[in-house]
Protein backbone atom coordinates (compact mmCIF):
# COMPACT_ATOMS: atom_id res chain seq x y z
CA MET A 1 -22.70 -8.94 -14.44
CA THR A 2 -20.84 -9.25 -11.12
CA CYS A 3 -17.92 -11.39 -12.25
CA ARG A 4 -16.14 -11.11 -15.60
CA ILE A 5 -15.54 -14.04 -17.94
CA LEU A 6 -12.16 -14.16 -19.67
CA THR A 7 -10.91 -16.49 -22.39
CA PHE A 8 -7.24 -17.48 -22.41
CA GLN A 9 -5.51 -19.60 -25.02
CA SER A 10 -2.37 -20.43 -23.02
CA GLU A 11 -0.43 -19.57 -19.88
CA LYS A 12 1.14 -16.70 -21.86
CA ASP A 13 -2.15 -14.85 -21.35
CA TRP A 14 -1.68 -14.83 -17.57
CA PRO A 15 -0.19 -11.27 -17.47
CA VAL A 16 -3.61 -9.92 -18.55
CA LEU A 17 -5.15 -11.05 -15.26
CA ALA A 18 -1.99 -10.52 -13.23
CA ARG A 19 -1.96 -6.83 -14.12
CA GLN A 20 -5.58 -6.49 -13.05
CA LEU A 21 -4.77 -8.07 -9.68
CA GLU A 22 -1.80 -5.82 -8.95
CA GLY A 23 -4.07 -3.28 -7.30
CA ARG A 24 -4.61 -5.72 -4.42
CA GLU A 25 -1.03 -5.34 -3.28
CA ASN A 26 -0.73 -4.30 0.33
CA PRO A 27 -0.82 -0.47 0.47
CA GLY A 28 1.45 -0.40 3.50
CA ASN A 29 3.28 2.76 2.51
CA SER A 30 0.09 4.78 2.95
CA VAL A 31 0.16 4.27 6.71
CA GLU A 32 3.85 3.64 7.30
CA ASN A 33 4.68 7.05 8.77
CA THR A 34 1.76 6.82 11.19
CA VAL A 35 2.76 3.34 12.26
CA ARG A 36 6.38 4.37 12.75
CA GLU A 37 5.23 7.14 15.08
CA ILE A 38 3.04 4.75 17.05
CA LEU A 39 5.85 2.22 17.44
CA ALA A 40 8.28 4.91 18.58
CA ASP A 41 5.73 6.22 21.08
CA VAL A 42 5.12 2.76 22.55
CA ARG A 43 8.84 2.16 22.78
CA ARG A 44 9.29 5.47 24.61
CA ARG A 45 6.23 5.60 26.89
CA GLY A 46 5.27 1.93 27.21
CA ASP A 47 2.05 1.19 29.11
CA GLU A 48 1.06 4.85 29.20
CA ALA A 49 1.00 4.97 25.40
CA LEU A 50 -0.86 1.65 25.17
CA LEU A 51 -3.62 2.85 27.45
CA GLU A 52 -3.90 6.15 25.60
CA TYR A 53 -4.26 4.49 22.17
CA THR A 54 -6.71 1.91 23.51
CA ARG A 55 -8.91 4.65 24.96
CA ARG A 56 -8.73 6.70 21.77
CA PHE A 57 -9.58 3.95 19.30
CA ASP A 58 -11.25 1.03 21.08
CA CYS A 59 -12.60 1.65 24.56
CA PRO A 60 -12.94 5.25 25.82
CA GLU A 61 -13.42 4.12 29.44
CA CYS A 62 -10.61 1.55 29.47
CA THR A 63 -8.81 1.31 32.80
CA PRO A 64 -5.63 -0.55 33.72
CA PRO A 65 -4.49 -3.24 33.95
CA LEU A 66 -4.58 -4.19 30.27
CA ARG A 67 -3.84 -7.81 31.12
CA VAL A 68 -6.97 -9.94 31.53
CA ASP A 69 -7.31 -11.45 34.98
CA LEU A 70 -7.16 -15.25 35.18
CA GLN A 71 -10.54 -15.39 36.87
CA ASP A 72 -12.05 -13.30 34.06
CA ILE A 73 -10.67 -15.76 31.51
CA ALA A 74 -12.20 -18.68 33.38
CA ARG A 75 -15.54 -16.91 33.82
CA ALA A 76 -15.67 -15.98 30.14
CA ALA A 77 -14.92 -19.56 29.12
CA ALA A 78 -17.69 -20.83 31.38
CA SER A 79 -20.14 -18.38 29.80
CA VAL A 80 -19.70 -19.92 26.34
CA PRO A 81 -22.32 -22.61 25.59
CA ALA A 82 -21.03 -26.12 26.19
CA GLY A 83 -21.77 -27.12 22.60
CA ASP A 84 -19.61 -24.30 21.25
CA ARG A 85 -16.80 -25.16 23.66
CA ALA A 86 -16.94 -28.75 22.40
CA ILE A 87 -16.64 -27.60 18.78
CA ILE A 88 -13.63 -25.43 19.64
CA ALA A 89 -12.06 -28.39 21.45
CA GLU A 90 -12.64 -30.70 18.48
CA ALA A 91 -11.09 -28.23 16.06
CA ALA A 92 -8.14 -27.74 18.42
CA ALA A 93 -7.58 -31.50 18.62
CA ASN A 94 -7.51 -31.80 14.83
CA ILE A 95 -5.09 -28.89 14.52
CA ARG A 96 -2.82 -30.31 17.23
CA SER A 97 -2.77 -33.76 15.63
CA PHE A 98 -1.72 -32.33 12.25
CA HIS A 99 0.97 -30.08 13.67
CA THR A 100 2.39 -32.77 15.93
CA ALA A 101 3.32 -34.64 12.75
CA GLN A 102 5.31 -31.57 11.63
CA ALA A 103 7.64 -31.52 14.62
CA GLU A 104 11.30 -31.90 13.67
CA LYS A 105 13.99 -33.58 15.75
CA SER A 106 17.62 -32.70 16.24
CA TRP A 107 19.95 -34.93 14.25
CA PHE A 108 23.64 -35.87 14.01
CA LEU A 109 26.01 -37.37 11.43
CA THR A 110 29.11 -39.29 12.50
CA HIS A 111 32.28 -39.50 10.37
CA GLU A 112 34.71 -42.39 10.53
CA ASP A 113 37.36 -40.14 12.06
CA GLY A 114 35.10 -39.36 15.02
CA THR A 115 33.85 -35.99 13.84
CA LEU A 116 30.25 -35.32 14.81
CA LEU A 117 28.10 -32.85 12.86
CA GLY A 118 24.48 -32.07 13.47
CA GLN A 119 21.58 -29.72 13.89
CA LYS A 120 19.84 -28.83 17.13
CA VAL A 121 16.18 -27.81 16.88
CA THR A 122 15.11 -25.44 19.65
CA PRO A 123 11.83 -23.55 20.16
CA VAL A 124 12.01 -19.82 20.75
CA ASP A 125 11.40 -18.80 24.36
CA ARG A 126 8.47 -16.45 23.97
CA VAL A 127 5.82 -15.80 21.30
CA GLY A 128 3.28 -13.01 20.84
CA LEU A 129 0.03 -13.78 19.04
CA TYR A 130 -2.23 -11.13 17.52
CA VAL A 131 -5.91 -12.12 17.42
CA PRO A 132 -8.26 -9.68 15.65
CA GLY A 133 -11.46 -8.90 17.50
CA GLY A 134 -13.52 -8.83 14.31
CA GLN A 135 -16.10 -6.08 13.74
CA GLY A 136 -15.85 -4.58 17.18
CA GLY A 137 -15.67 -7.96 18.85
CA GLU A 138 -18.88 -9.26 17.31
CA THR A 139 -17.14 -11.75 15.02
CA PRO A 140 -14.18 -12.99 17.07
CA LEU A 141 -11.48 -14.82 15.11
CA ILE A 142 -11.36 -17.92 17.28
CA SER A 143 -9.66 -19.92 14.55
CA SER A 144 -6.79 -17.43 14.39
CA LEU A 145 -5.90 -18.11 18.00
CA LEU A 146 -6.09 -21.88 17.50
CA MET A 147 -4.06 -21.85 14.29
CA ASN A 148 -1.29 -19.71 15.77
CA ALA A 149 -1.11 -20.93 19.35
CA ILE A 150 -1.21 -24.69 18.77
CA PRO A 151 1.85 -24.88 16.46
CA ALA A 152 3.76 -22.78 19.00
CA GLN A 153 2.76 -25.17 21.77
CA VAL A 154 3.70 -28.21 19.70
CA ALA A 155 7.07 -26.56 19.03
CA GLY A 156 7.61 -26.35 22.79
CA VAL A 157 7.37 -22.58 23.26
CA ARG A 158 7.30 -21.90 27.00
CA GLU A 159 5.57 -18.50 27.03
CA ILE A 160 2.71 -17.32 24.81
CA ALA A 161 1.24 -13.83 25.10
CA VAL A 162 -2.02 -13.04 23.29
CA VAL A 163 -3.12 -9.52 22.36
CA SER A 164 -6.58 -8.68 21.05
CA PRO A 165 -8.42 -5.34 20.78
CA PRO A 166 -11.11 -4.85 23.43
CA ARG A 167 -14.74 -4.20 22.70
CA LYS A 168 -16.33 -0.86 23.53
CA ASP A 169 -17.05 -2.07 27.06
CA GLY A 170 -13.38 -2.95 27.59
CA THR A 171 -13.84 -6.73 27.44
CA ILE A 172 -12.54 -9.30 24.97
CA SER A 173 -15.00 -11.69 23.33
CA PRO A 174 -15.65 -14.64 25.63
CA TYR A 175 -15.08 -16.95 22.66
CA ILE A 176 -11.47 -15.79 22.31
CA LEU A 177 -10.98 -16.16 26.06
CA ALA A 178 -12.62 -19.59 25.96
CA ALA A 179 -10.14 -20.71 23.31
CA ALA A 180 -7.26 -19.33 25.37
CA HIS A 181 -8.58 -21.15 28.45
CA LEU A 182 -8.86 -24.40 26.50
CA LEU A 183 -5.23 -24.05 25.42
CA ASP A 184 -4.06 -23.16 28.96
CA ILE A 185 -2.94 -19.71 27.83
CA ASP A 186 -3.16 -17.33 30.77
CA GLU A 187 -1.40 -14.25 29.37
CA VAL A 188 -3.99 -12.22 27.44
CA TYR A 189 -3.94 -8.44 26.90
CA ARG A 190 -6.68 -6.02 25.89
CA MET A 191 -4.88 -4.13 23.14
CA GLY A 192 -4.83 -4.08 19.36
CA SER A 193 -3.49 -2.48 16.20
CA ALA A 194 0.07 -1.21 15.75
CA TRP A 195 0.53 -0.34 19.43
CA ALA A 196 -0.05 -3.96 20.43
CA VAL A 197 2.58 -5.10 17.93
CA GLY A 198 4.96 -2.49 19.31
CA ALA A 199 4.37 -3.71 22.85
CA LEU A 200 5.14 -7.29 21.83
CA ALA A 201 8.29 -6.26 20.00
CA TYR A 202 9.75 -3.80 22.51
CA GLY A 203 8.11 -4.79 25.77
CA THR A 204 6.73 -2.54 28.49
CA SER A 205 6.80 -2.60 32.26
CA THR A 206 3.91 -5.08 32.28
CA LEU A 207 4.44 -7.03 29.03
CA ALA A 208 7.77 -8.74 28.37
CA PRO A 209 9.06 -8.58 24.77
CA VAL A 210 8.68 -11.67 22.58
CA ASP A 211 10.87 -13.46 20.08
CA VAL A 212 8.26 -14.11 17.36
CA ILE A 213 5.02 -12.29 16.50
CA ALA A 214 2.34 -14.17 14.57
CA GLY A 215 -1.27 -13.56 13.65
CA PRO A 216 -3.32 -11.64 11.07
CA GLY A 217 -4.53 -8.07 11.24
CA ASN A 218 -5.45 -4.96 9.31
CA ILE A 219 -3.07 -2.71 7.39
CA PHE A 220 -1.82 -1.09 10.63
CA VAL A 221 -1.02 -4.46 12.17
CA THR A 222 0.61 -5.77 8.99
CA THR A 223 2.72 -2.64 8.56
CA ALA A 224 3.80 -2.73 12.20
CA LYS A 225 4.88 -6.37 11.86
CA ARG A 226 6.89 -5.50 8.77
CA LEU A 227 8.62 -2.63 10.56
CA VAL A 228 9.60 -4.62 13.67
CA GLN A 229 10.77 -7.62 11.64
CA GLY A 230 14.44 -8.11 12.38
CA ARG A 231 14.08 -7.15 16.00
CA VAL A 232 11.67 -10.07 16.27
CA GLY A 233 10.67 -12.82 13.91
CA ILE A 234 7.25 -12.72 12.29
CA ASP A 235 5.10 -15.35 10.62
CA MET A 236 4.64 -13.58 7.27
CA ILE A 237 3.41 -10.41 5.59
CA ALA A 238 -0.06 -11.46 4.49
CA GLY A 239 -2.16 -9.72 1.88
CA PRO A 240 -5.89 -10.01 1.14
CA SER A 241 -7.43 -13.47 1.02
CA GLU A 242 -7.69 -15.35 -2.29
CA ILE A 243 -8.99 -18.53 -3.83
CA LEU A 244 -8.35 -20.10 -7.21
CA ILE A 245 -10.47 -23.03 -8.36
CA LEU A 246 -9.67 -25.43 -11.19
CA ALA A 247 -12.89 -26.99 -12.46
CA ASP A 248 -13.87 -29.35 -15.24
CA LYS A 249 -17.28 -30.44 -16.52
CA SER A 250 -17.76 -32.74 -13.51
CA ALA A 251 -17.97 -29.74 -11.14
CA ASP A 252 -21.21 -28.34 -9.73
CA PRO A 253 -21.51 -24.61 -10.61
CA ALA A 254 -23.53 -23.91 -7.46
CA LEU A 255 -20.73 -25.32 -5.29
CA LEU A 256 -18.08 -23.44 -7.25
CA ALA A 257 -19.94 -20.17 -6.72
CA ALA A 258 -20.37 -20.91 -3.02
CA ASP A 259 -16.64 -21.52 -2.69
CA MET A 260 -15.73 -18.34 -4.55
CA LEU A 261 -18.04 -16.38 -2.28
CA SER A 262 -16.45 -17.92 0.80
CA GLN A 263 -13.42 -15.78 0.02
CA ALA A 264 -15.14 -12.81 -1.59
CA GLU A 265 -17.01 -12.08 1.65
CA HIS A 266 -13.73 -11.60 3.56
CA ASP A 267 -13.13 -8.07 2.31
CA ALA A 268 -13.36 -5.92 -0.79
CA LEU A 269 -9.76 -6.75 -1.77
CA ALA A 270 -10.27 -10.52 -1.67
CA SER A 271 -9.84 -12.36 -4.95
CA ALA A 272 -11.91 -15.30 -6.21
CA ILE A 273 -11.03 -16.88 -9.56
CA CYS A 274 -12.29 -20.01 -11.27
CA ILE A 275 -10.44 -21.54 -14.23
CA THR A 276 -12.27 -24.10 -16.34
CA ASN A 277 -12.03 -25.83 -19.69
CA ASP A 278 -15.83 -25.85 -20.02
CA ALA A 279 -17.39 -22.65 -21.40
CA ALA A 280 -20.91 -23.71 -20.39
CA LEU A 281 -19.74 -24.26 -16.82
CA ALA A 282 -18.23 -20.77 -16.78
CA ASP A 283 -21.57 -19.22 -17.72
CA ASN A 284 -23.37 -21.26 -15.08
CA VAL A 285 -20.90 -20.26 -12.38
CA VAL A 286 -21.48 -16.57 -13.09
CA ARG A 287 -25.24 -17.12 -12.96
CA GLU A 288 -24.88 -18.87 -9.62
CA LEU A 289 -22.76 -16.02 -8.27
CA GLU A 290 -25.48 -13.55 -9.26
CA LYS A 291 -28.06 -15.71 -7.53
CA GLN A 292 -26.14 -16.41 -4.32
CA TYR A 293 -24.28 -13.25 -3.37
CA PRO A 294 -27.35 -11.04 -2.68
CA THR A 295 -28.46 -13.47 0.05
CA LEU A 296 -25.26 -13.01 2.07
CA PRO A 297 -25.02 -10.73 5.13
CA ARG A 298 -21.86 -9.33 3.52
CA ALA A 299 -23.37 -9.05 0.07
CA ALA A 300 -21.91 -5.60 -0.63
CA THR A 301 -18.40 -6.74 0.25
CA ALA A 302 -18.70 -9.92 -1.82
CA CYS A 303 -20.09 -8.02 -4.80
CA LYS A 304 -17.25 -5.48 -4.80
CA SER A 305 -14.65 -8.24 -4.43
CA LEU A 306 -16.07 -10.18 -7.39
CA THR A 307 -16.51 -7.08 -9.53
CA ASP A 308 -13.02 -5.72 -8.92
CA TRP A 309 -10.90 -8.84 -8.52
CA GLY A 310 -12.99 -11.88 -9.46
CA ALA A 311 -12.96 -13.76 -12.75
CA VAL A 312 -14.01 -16.97 -14.43
CA VAL A 313 -11.39 -17.93 -16.98
CA VAL A 314 -12.11 -20.30 -19.86
CA VAL A 315 -9.08 -22.23 -21.15
CA PRO A 316 -8.65 -24.89 -23.86
CA ASP A 317 -7.64 -27.72 -21.51
CA MET A 318 -6.65 -28.58 -17.95
CA THR A 319 -2.96 -28.49 -18.83
CA CYS A 320 -3.35 -24.78 -19.47
CA ALA A 321 -5.43 -24.43 -16.30
CA VAL A 322 -2.70 -26.01 -14.17
CA ALA A 323 -0.04 -23.81 -15.76
CA LEU A 324 -2.09 -20.70 -14.92
CA ALA A 325 -2.58 -21.90 -11.36
CA ASN A 326 1.17 -22.27 -10.95
CA LYS A 327 1.63 -18.75 -12.31
CA ALA A 328 -0.88 -17.42 -9.79
CA ALA A 329 0.58 -19.35 -6.82
CA PRO A 330 -2.67 -18.80 -4.88
CA GLU A 331 -3.26 -18.88 -1.15
CA HIS A 332 -6.07 -21.44 -1.53
CA LEU A 333 -6.30 -23.77 -4.55
CA GLU A 334 -9.32 -26.02 -5.02
CA LEU A 335 -9.15 -28.92 -7.47
CA CYS A 336 -12.80 -29.41 -8.39
CA VAL A 337 -12.06 -31.92 -11.12
CA GLU A 338 -12.97 -35.53 -11.79
CA ASP A 339 -9.60 -36.86 -10.58
CA PRO A 340 -7.85 -34.30 -8.34
CA TRP A 341 -5.11 -36.77 -7.40
CA ALA A 342 -4.02 -36.94 -11.03
CA VAL A 343 -3.69 -33.16 -11.09
CA LEU A 344 -1.94 -32.73 -7.73
CA PRO A 345 1.56 -33.85 -8.88
CA HIS A 346 1.55 -30.99 -11.40
CA ILE A 347 0.76 -28.32 -8.80
CA ARG A 348 3.96 -26.55 -7.80
CA HIS A 349 2.84 -23.34 -6.11
CA ALA A 350 -0.07 -23.01 -3.67
CA GLY A 351 -0.47 -22.23 0.01
CA ALA A 352 -2.92 -25.10 0.47
CA VAL A 353 -4.63 -27.48 -1.96
CA PHE A 354 -8.20 -28.70 -1.44
CA MET A 355 -9.03 -31.95 -3.17
CA GLY A 356 -12.43 -32.53 -4.74
CA ARG A 357 -16.03 -31.54 -4.02
CA ASN A 358 -15.93 -32.56 -0.36
CA SER A 359 -12.95 -30.35 0.51
CA PRO A 360 -14.12 -26.74 0.27
CA GLU A 361 -11.71 -24.16 1.64
CA PRO A 362 -13.65 -23.54 4.90
CA VAL A 363 -13.03 -27.16 5.93
CA GLY A 364 -9.35 -26.29 6.13
CA ASP A 365 -9.94 -22.79 7.46
CA TYR A 366 -11.51 -24.05 10.64
CA TYR A 367 -11.43 -27.71 11.30
CA ALA A 368 -9.44 -30.25 9.31
CA GLY A 369 -6.07 -29.54 10.94
CA PRO A 370 -3.65 -27.94 8.44
CA ASN A 371 -2.85 -24.33 9.18
CA HIS A 372 -4.94 -21.59 7.60
CA VAL A 373 -2.20 -18.94 7.88
CA LEU A 374 -1.00 -19.13 4.28
CA PRO A 375 1.15 -17.15 1.85
CA THR A 376 -0.78 -14.74 -0.38
CA MET A 377 -0.16 -12.50 -3.40
CA GLY A 378 1.87 -15.14 -5.24
CA THR A 379 4.35 -15.64 -2.38
CA ALA A 380 3.51 -19.36 -2.32
CA ARG A 381 6.22 -19.52 -5.00
CA PHE A 382 8.79 -19.33 -2.20
CA SER A 383 7.05 -19.52 1.19
CA SER A 384 4.92 -21.92 3.18
CA ALA A 385 2.05 -22.08 5.62
CA LEU A 386 2.60 -21.16 9.25
CA SER A 387 3.86 -24.28 11.00
CA VAL A 388 5.70 -25.65 14.00
CA GLN A 389 8.90 -24.52 12.27
CA THR A 390 7.74 -20.89 12.47
CA PHE A 391 8.41 -21.05 16.20
CA CYS A 392 11.69 -22.99 16.09
CA LYS A 393 15.26 -22.15 15.26
CA LYS A 394 18.00 -24.46 14.14
CA THR A 395 21.54 -24.46 15.50
CA SER A 396 24.39 -26.20 13.70
CA ILE A 397 26.62 -28.44 15.84
CA VAL A 398 30.29 -29.01 14.94
CA ALA A 399 32.38 -31.46 16.98
CA ALA A 400 35.47 -32.01 14.83
CA SER A 401 37.95 -34.72 15.75
CA GLU A 402 41.68 -34.20 15.97
CA ALA A 403 42.11 -36.38 12.89
CA PHE A 404 39.71 -34.18 10.90
CA VAL A 405 41.66 -31.03 11.76
CA GLU A 406 45.03 -32.66 11.03
CA ARG A 407 43.79 -33.80 7.65
CA HIS A 408 42.06 -30.62 6.51
CA ALA A 409 43.84 -27.77 8.29
CA ALA A 410 45.93 -26.81 5.27
CA SER A 411 42.87 -26.58 3.04
CA ILE A 412 40.94 -24.54 5.60
CA ALA A 413 43.86 -22.20 6.12
CA ARG A 414 44.28 -21.75 2.38
CA LEU A 415 40.62 -20.78 1.94
CA ALA A 416 40.93 -18.32 4.85
CA ARG A 417 43.99 -16.67 3.32
CA LEU A 418 42.30 -16.42 -0.07
CA GLU A 419 39.72 -14.30 1.73
CA GLY A 420 42.39 -12.24 3.48
CA LEU A 421 41.58 -13.60 6.94
CA GLU A 422 44.95 -14.52 8.45
CA ALA A 423 43.67 -15.00 12.00
CA HIS A 424 41.23 -17.60 10.71
CA ALA A 425 44.10 -19.52 9.14
CA ARG A 426 46.27 -19.34 12.26
CA SER A 427 43.38 -20.46 14.47
CA VAL A 428 43.16 -23.72 12.54
CA GLU A 429 46.91 -24.23 12.14
CA SER A 430 47.46 -23.81 15.88
CA ARG A 431 45.59 -27.10 16.37
CA ILE A 432 48.04 -29.11 14.23
CA SER A 433 50.42 -31.24 16.32
CA GLY A 434 53.88 -29.74 16.58
CA GLN A 435 53.17 -26.84 14.23
CA THR A 436 53.52 -23.19 15.10
CA PRO A 437 51.33 -20.94 12.98
CA GLN A 438 53.38 -18.97 10.51
CA ARG A 439 52.17 -16.19 8.30
CA SER A 440 52.29 -17.36 4.71
CA LYS A 441 54.47 -15.43 2.32
C-alpha cells in the first residue's frame, strides 16, 4: 500500500502524525557552511566568483556578460508559440487583478488639537526575484516569475532584477524570458543557486544590490536567503510543498487522489494528507492513489512522497477534521465537502483555502489570481501568502500640535525619566512655553 490509513478519535491524536512529518523540516544546517563560504566568496570577488560558479555547476562554456541582452529577451519571447504567450498573459492579468485589490494606501488621523498622525506606505526601491530553471531548464517555473514580479509591480517597485540558472548551453528558457518580456522586465541574469542570492544581497560591479529577495529554490537557495535576511528582506523560508484535504461522503475519491498527487509529484519531501469522516471513502482514495500514481511521469517521486509523508486519516466527524486541519496549518487546504462555505468560518490556519470540487489546488497555483507563494510547515499559524505588502514598508508620521505637547509633556517626561532617559525628558520639556528644562530631583 502506497499511502497509510490512520484512525484518529480527536484532535488530541494529531501529535502522532505531526511527529511523523517532522522529518520534512528543512535540513538547512547540512549545507550552511558551504553556503556561507559561497556568499563570502561572492561578496569578496563579485562577478568573477559568479562566473566561476556558473561554469562549474550549470554551463561549462558560459561567457560574460551574465546579464541577458534586451534583444535576446525579445527574440526568446517571439519564439514562444502565440497560444502559450496568450495563456501566460491571461494568467498574468488574473494575478494582477487580484493583487491590485491588495494595495494599501497611506492614511492619517486628525485630533481636535491639530495633531496629525498617520502611516505612509512606500514600496522598496529594488527587488531581486529568484526563478528556478526546473530540471536543467526543461520545466521552467513561469508561474514563479508571475507570482513574484506582479505583486512587486503593483506595489510600485521601480527596479526588478531576475536571476535564473542557465541551461547547459548558457541560455535561459524562452518561456521565462517571454514572461519577463510580457511584464516589461528587462534586467535578467543567467545565474542560480546560493551565488545568485549572494549577488542580489551584496551586489557586484554589474548587478546592483536589492532591498528584498523573493522566489523559491532548492536547499542552497533557501539557506542563502536565510543567511542574508537582515541585510535584505526576504519573502519567507519555504519548506516542501503540502496539501491537506477535508472530505466528506460527497467527495469523489478519484478527484481526491488526483489532488493529493498534484502535490506528491513536486518532490519526495512533499506531503499529501486527506482527512475524512467516511471510512469507505478513505479506502477508495487509497485505491485511486494506487491506480493513478504509476501513470505519472514523476511516478517514483509521487510514490516516495505518499509512502513517507502521505496519509488518509479517518475521524469521527467534520468537527474533528477541522480541528486537525487547524493544528496542521497547511500550505494548501482543500474543502471537498458538501458545503465548504459552512466550514470556512472555522478554518483559522492555512496558506490558501480551495473551496469545493471545482477549485483544485492547481487552479490557484497557476491561474486564478491569488499568490501561490505560501507559508509551509505549519507557519500559516503566524504568516501569510506573498503579497503586495511583501514589497512595501510602512513609515509612521507624527505631526504633533503645540497644544498636544503642552498638554502631555509632563507625562512624556515622566515616562522618559522612569526609563532613565533624561535627555528624552528635556527634549519634550524644552517645547513647553516659558519653561526651561530642569533635571528632576
